[in-house]
Amino acid sequence: MAFVRNKGNADQPIDTPFDQYNRTNAGDPTGSVTPQYAGERILDTTNGTLYQALGTANSTWVQITI
């Protein structure tokens, strides 16, 4: 199990296998949500779309299909 530092609260690490499925955003996260780590996934609750971060900049989100 890998832990990644939580940029929002450095005292609380993130359990990446579970956190990546729990983060949500109302709308496309591109340009508005900064990934906590490369590979993070976020669910767009407005459109039911899943995105994955290719890096740690807010422009690196790409839509993925499952």
C-alpha atoms as a PDB file:
ATOM      1  CA  MET A   1       0.000   0.000   0.000  1.00  0.00           C
ATOM      2  CA  ALA A   2       1.437   3.392  -0.965  1.00  0.00           C
ATOM      3  CA  PHE A   3       0.841   6.624   0.880  1.00  0.00           C
ATOM      4  CA  VAL A   4       1.147  10.030  -0.760  1.00  0.00           C
ATOM      5  CA  ARG A   5       1.367  13.327   1.108  1.00  0.00           C
ATOM      6  CA  ASN A   6      -1.924  15.210   1.195  1.00  0.00           C
ATOM      7  CA  LYS A   7      -1.213  18.690  -0.206  1.00  0.00           C
ATOM      8  CA  GLY A   8      -4.279  20.066   1.587  1.00  0.00           C
ATOM      9  CA  ASN A   9      -3.127  18.866   5.011  1.00  0.00           C
ATOM     10  CA  ALA A  10       0.456  17.621   5.171  1.00  0.00           C
ATOM     11  CA  ASP A  11      -0.218  15.891   8.515  1.00  0.00           C
ATOM     12  CA  GLN A  12      -2.708  13.459   6.973  1.00  0.00           C
ATOM     13  CA  PRO A  13      -1.331  11.064   4.334  1.00  0.00           C
ATOM     14  CA  ILE A  14      -3.599   9.680   1.629  1.00  0.00           C
ATOM     15  CA  ASP A  15      -4.168   5.982   1.070  1.00  0.00           C
ATOM     16  CA  THR A  16      -4.065   6.144  -2.739  1.00  0.00           C
ATOM     17  CA  PRO A  17      -5.846   2.841  -3.508  1.00  0.00           C
ATOM     18  CA  PHE A  18      -8.979   4.176  -1.824  1.00  0.00           C
ATOM     19  CA  ASP A  19      -8.699   7.949  -2.129  1.00  0.00           C
ATOM     20  CA  GLN A  20      -8.561   7.952  -5.915  1.00  0.00           C
ATOM     21  CA  TYR A  21     -12.115   6.599  -6.105  1.00  0.00           C
ATOM     22  CA  ASN A  22     -13.555   8.956  -3.503  1.00  0.00           C
ATOM     23  CA  ARG A  23     -12.618  12.389  -4.838  1.00  0.00           C
ATOM     24  CA  THR A  24     -15.418  14.124  -6.710  1.00  0.00           C
ATOM     25  CA  ASN A  25     -16.013  17.420  -8.470  1.00  0.00           C
ATOM     26  CA  ALA A  26     -19.160  18.983  -9.910  1.00  0.00           C
ATOM     27  CA  GLY A  27     -18.006  19.413 -13.517  1.00  0.00           C
ATOM     28  CA  ASP A  28     -14.836  18.924 -15.551  1.00  0.00           C
ATOM     29  CA  PRO A  29     -11.841  19.314 -13.186  1.00  0.00           C
ATOM     30  CA  THR A  30      -9.489  20.528 -15.952  1.00  0.00           C
ATOM     31  CA  GLY A  31      -8.179  23.971 -15.052  1.00  0.00           C
ATOM     32  CA  SER A  32      -9.989  24.140 -11.719  1.00  0.00           C
ATOM     33  CA  VAL A  33      -8.821  21.208  -9.566  1.00  0.00           C
ATOM     34  CA  THR A  34      -5.151  20.576  -8.771  1.00  0.00           C
ATOM     35  CA  PRO A  35      -4.320  16.864  -8.578  1.00  0.00           C
ATOM     36  CA  GLN A  36      -2.795  15.678  -5.313  1.00  0.00           C
ATOM     37  CA  TYR A  37      -0.556  13.249  -7.243  1.00  0.00           C
ATOM     38  CA  ALA A  38      -0.053  11.973 -10.799  1.00  0.00           C
ATOM     39  CA  GLY A  39      -2.457   9.108 -11.455  1.00  0.00           C
ATOM     40  CA  GLU A  40      -5.182  10.458  -9.177  1.00  0.00           C
ATOM     41  CA  ARG A  41      -8.727   9.895 -10.385  1.00  0.00           C
ATOM     42  CA  ILE A  42     -11.689  12.176  -9.870  1.00  0.00           C
ATOM     43  CA  LEU A  43     -15.361  11.683 -10.690  1.00  0.00           C
ATOM     44  CA  ASP A  44     -17.307  14.484 -12.363  1.00  0.00           C
ATOM     45  CA  THR A  45     -20.634  14.136 -10.538  1.00  0.00           C
ATOM     46  CA  THR A  46     -22.446  16.462 -12.941  1.00  0.00           C
ATOM     47  CA  ASN A  47     -21.724  14.459 -16.099  1.00  0.00           C
ATOM     48  CA  GLY A  48     -20.823  11.047 -14.638  1.00  0.00           C
ATOM     49  CA  THR A  49     -17.367  11.223 -16.200  1.00  0.00           C
ATOM     50  CA  LEU A  50     -14.114   9.891 -14.742  1.00  0.00           C
ATOM     51  CA  TYR A  51     -10.819  11.771 -15.132  1.00  0.00           C
ATOM     52  CA  GLN A  52      -7.221  10.845 -14.350  1.00  0.00           C
ATOM     53  CA  ALA A  53      -4.308  13.215 -13.751  1.00  0.00           C
ATOM     54  CA  LEU A  54      -1.217  12.731 -15.902  1.00  0.00           C
ATOM     55  CA  GLY A  55       0.776  15.120 -13.703  1.00  0.00           C
ATOM     56  CA  THR A  56       0.310  17.505 -10.797  1.00  0.00           C
ATOM     57  CA  ALA A  57      -0.833  20.627 -12.679  1.00  0.00           C
ATOM     58  CA  ASN A  58      -4.546  21.435 -12.939  1.00  0.00           C
ATOM     59  CA  SER A  59      -4.302  21.176 -16.743  1.00  0.00           C
ATOM     60  CA  THR A  60      -3.229  17.503 -16.768  1.00  0.00           C
ATOM     61  CA  TRP A  61      -6.658  15.880 -16.311  1.00  0.00           C
ATOM     62  CA  VAL A  62      -7.738  13.523 -19.091  1.00  0.00           C
ATOM     63  CA  GLN A  63     -11.090  11.796 -19.427  1.00  0.00           C
ATOM     64  CA  ILE A  64     -10.916   8.019 -19.097  1.00  0.00           C
ATOM     65  CA  THR A  65     -13.405   5.359 -20.102  1.00  0.00           C
ATOM     66  CA  ILE A  66     -14.070   2.283 -18.008  1.00  0.00           C
END
